[in-house]
């Protein structure tokens, strides 16, 4: 069962607060891409709303192109909590 956008946005707000700029996009394939901006940081969380692999990358160089996510987690909750920890470094 896929979780709606509202769940993801509420999850991000509950973990990161209201000051994070969030953009959530779901593709026809069911893939979810979340862009996060906070205090000069940029992060991406990607996964399937019904899946158990959520990739997280934070502050990757613009000129290197995308080579895959640095971190992979088993749930969107875990991915959001760890993205916030990476933002807080």
C-alpha atoms as a PDB file:
ATOM      1  CA  UNK A   1       0.000   0.000   0.000  1.00  0.00           C
ATOM      2  CA  UNK A   2       1.426   3.361  -1.024  1.00  0.00           C
ATOM      3  CA  UNK A   3       1.607   6.157   1.500  1.00  0.00           C
ATOM      4  CA  UNK A   4       0.281   9.539   0.310  1.00  0.00           C
ATOM      5  CA  UNK A   5       2.314  12.714  -0.122  1.00  0.00           C
ATOM      6  CA  UNK A   6       0.690  14.144   2.989  1.00  0.00           C
ATOM      7  CA  UNK A   7       2.314  11.415   5.090  1.00  0.00           C
ATOM      8  CA  UNK A   8       5.779  12.276   3.752  1.00  0.00           C
ATOM      9  CA  UNK A   9       5.334  16.013   4.175  1.00  0.00           C
ATOM     10  CA  UNK A  10       3.960  15.560   7.718  1.00  0.00           C
ATOM     11  CA  UNK A  11       6.853  13.228   8.548  1.00  0.00           C
ATOM     12  CA  UNK A  12       9.430  15.754   7.324  1.00  0.00           C
ATOM     13  CA  UNK A  13       7.778  18.591   9.238  1.00  0.00           C
ATOM     14  CA  UNK A  14       7.589  16.525  12.435  1.00  0.00           C
ATOM     15  CA  UNK A  15      11.305  15.647  12.240  1.00  0.00           C
ATOM     16  CA  UNK A  16      12.782  18.797  10.689  1.00  0.00           C
ATOM     17  CA  UNK A  17      10.319  21.551  11.570  1.00  0.00           C
ATOM     18  CA  UNK A  18       8.669  24.189   9.409  1.00  0.00           C
ATOM     19  CA  UNK A  19      11.848  25.958   8.271  1.00  0.00           C
ATOM     20  CA  UNK A  20      12.802  23.263   5.757  1.00  0.00           C
ATOM     21  CA  UNK A  21      11.810  23.922   2.140  1.00  0.00           C
ATOM     22  CA  UNK A  22      10.319  20.650   0.870  1.00  0.00           C
ATOM     23  CA  UNK A  23       9.406  19.559  -2.640  1.00  0.00           C
ATOM     24  CA  UNK A  24       7.821  16.102  -3.024  1.00  0.00           C
ATOM     25  CA  UNK A  25       7.329  14.563  -6.457  1.00  0.00           C
ATOM     26  CA  UNK A  26       5.901  11.148  -7.274  1.00  0.00           C
ATOM     27  CA  UNK A  27       6.519   9.661 -10.707  1.00  0.00           C
ATOM     28  CA  UNK A  28       4.056   7.442 -12.549  1.00  0.00           C
ATOM     29  CA  UNK A  29       6.305   4.488 -11.677  1.00  0.00           C
ATOM     30  CA  UNK A  30       5.580   5.084  -7.986  1.00  0.00           C
ATOM     31  CA  UNK A  31       9.050   6.459  -7.286  1.00  0.00           C
ATOM     32  CA  UNK A  32       9.123   9.350  -4.827  1.00  0.00           C
ATOM     33  CA  UNK A  33      11.701  12.124  -4.948  1.00  0.00           C
ATOM     34  CA  UNK A  34      11.954  14.596  -2.074  1.00  0.00           C
ATOM     35  CA  UNK A  35      14.162  17.677  -2.308  1.00  0.00           C
ATOM     36  CA  UNK A  36      15.063  19.409   0.947  1.00  0.00           C
ATOM     37  CA  UNK A  37      16.673  22.801   1.474  1.00  0.00           C
ATOM     38  CA  UNK A  38      17.659  24.099   4.876  1.00  0.00           C
ATOM     39  CA  UNK A  39      20.188  26.649   6.082  1.00  0.00           C
ATOM     40  CA  UNK A  40      22.399  26.407   2.987  1.00  0.00           C
ATOM     41  CA  UNK A  41      22.118  22.607   2.735  1.00  0.00           C
ATOM     42  CA  UNK A  42      20.532  20.631  -0.082  1.00  0.00           C
ATOM     43  CA  UNK A  43      19.408  17.036   0.224  1.00  0.00           C
ATOM     44  CA  UNK A  44      17.515  14.420  -1.751  1.00  0.00           C
ATOM     45  CA  UNK A  45      15.553  11.434  -0.493  1.00  0.00           C
ATOM     46  CA  UNK A  46      14.326   8.950  -3.099  1.00  0.00           C
ATOM     47  CA  UNK A  47      12.462   5.685  -2.905  1.00  0.00           C
ATOM     48  CA  UNK A  48       9.219   3.915  -3.651  1.00  0.00           C
ATOM     49  CA  UNK A  49       6.266   4.827  -1.470  1.00  0.00           C
ATOM     50  CA  UNK A  50       5.569   1.093  -1.136  1.00  0.00           C
ATOM     51  CA  UNK A  51       9.241   0.096  -0.929  1.00  0.00           C
ATOM     52  CA  UNK A  52      11.875  -0.600   1.674  1.00  0.00           C
ATOM     53  CA  UNK A  53      14.867   1.187   0.140  1.00  0.00           C
ATOM     54  CA  UNK A  54      15.174   4.950   0.547  1.00  0.00           C
ATOM     55  CA  UNK A  55      18.314   6.675  -0.703  1.00  0.00           C
ATOM     56  CA  UNK A  56      19.615   9.830   0.959  1.00  0.00           C
ATOM     57  CA  UNK A  57      22.252  12.248  -0.297  1.00  0.00           C
ATOM     58  CA  UNK A  58      23.086  15.593   1.280  1.00  0.00           C
ATOM     59  CA  UNK A  59      25.335  18.390   0.006  1.00  0.00           C
ATOM     60  CA  UNK A  60      26.716  16.471  -2.959  1.00  0.00           C
ATOM     61  CA  UNK A  61      28.824  18.511  -5.419  1.00  0.00           C
ATOM     62  CA  UNK A  62      26.871  19.967  -8.342  1.00  0.00           C
ATOM     63  CA  UNK A  63      29.648  19.313 -10.838  1.00  0.00           C
ATOM     64  CA  UNK A  64      29.984  15.563 -10.195  1.00  0.00           C
ATOM     65  CA  UNK A  65      26.639  14.388 -11.548  1.00  0.00           C
ATOM     66  CA  UNK A  66      24.556  11.827  -9.760  1.00  0.00           C
ATOM     67  CA  UNK A  67      26.376   8.590  -8.959  1.00  0.00           C
ATOM     68  CA  UNK A  68      23.855   6.999  -6.603  1.00  0.00           C
ATOM     69  CA  UNK A  69      22.931   7.757  -3.025  1.00  0.00           C
ATOM     70  CA  UNK A  70      25.514   7.858  -0.264  1.00  0.00           C
ATOM     71  CA  UNK A  71      23.147   6.287   2.264  1.00  0.00           C
ATOM     72  CA  UNK A  72      20.247   3.823   1.956  1.00  0.00           C
ATOM     73  CA  UNK A  73      17.622   3.160   4.635  1.00  0.00           C
ATOM     74  CA  UNK A  74      14.751   0.707   4.978  1.00  0.00           C
ATOM     75  CA  UNK A  75      11.920   3.181   5.611  1.00  0.00           C
ATOM     76  CA  UNK A  76      11.010   6.775   4.828  1.00  0.00           C
ATOM     77  CA  UNK A  77      11.019   7.524   8.559  1.00  0.00           C
ATOM     78  CA  UNK A  78      14.603   6.305   8.912  1.00  0.00           C
ATOM     79  CA  UNK A  79      15.651   8.199   5.774  1.00  0.00           C
ATOM     80  CA  UNK A  80      14.164  11.492   7.004  1.00  0.00           C
ATOM     81  CA  UNK A  81      15.698  11.160  10.496  1.00  0.00           C
ATOM     82  CA  UNK A  82      19.124  10.431   9.013  1.00  0.00           C
ATOM     83  CA  UNK A  83      18.869  13.209   6.414  1.00  0.00           C
ATOM     84  CA  UNK A  84      18.179  15.618   9.291  1.00  0.00           C
ATOM     85  CA  UNK A  85      21.209  14.277  11.168  1.00  0.00           C
ATOM     86  CA  UNK A  86      23.344  14.906   8.060  1.00  0.00           C
ATOM     87  CA  UNK A  87      21.944  18.463   7.800  1.00  0.00           C
ATOM     88  CA  UNK A  88      22.800  19.054  11.448  1.00  0.00           C
ATOM     89  CA  UNK A  89      26.500  18.221  11.116  1.00  0.00           C
END
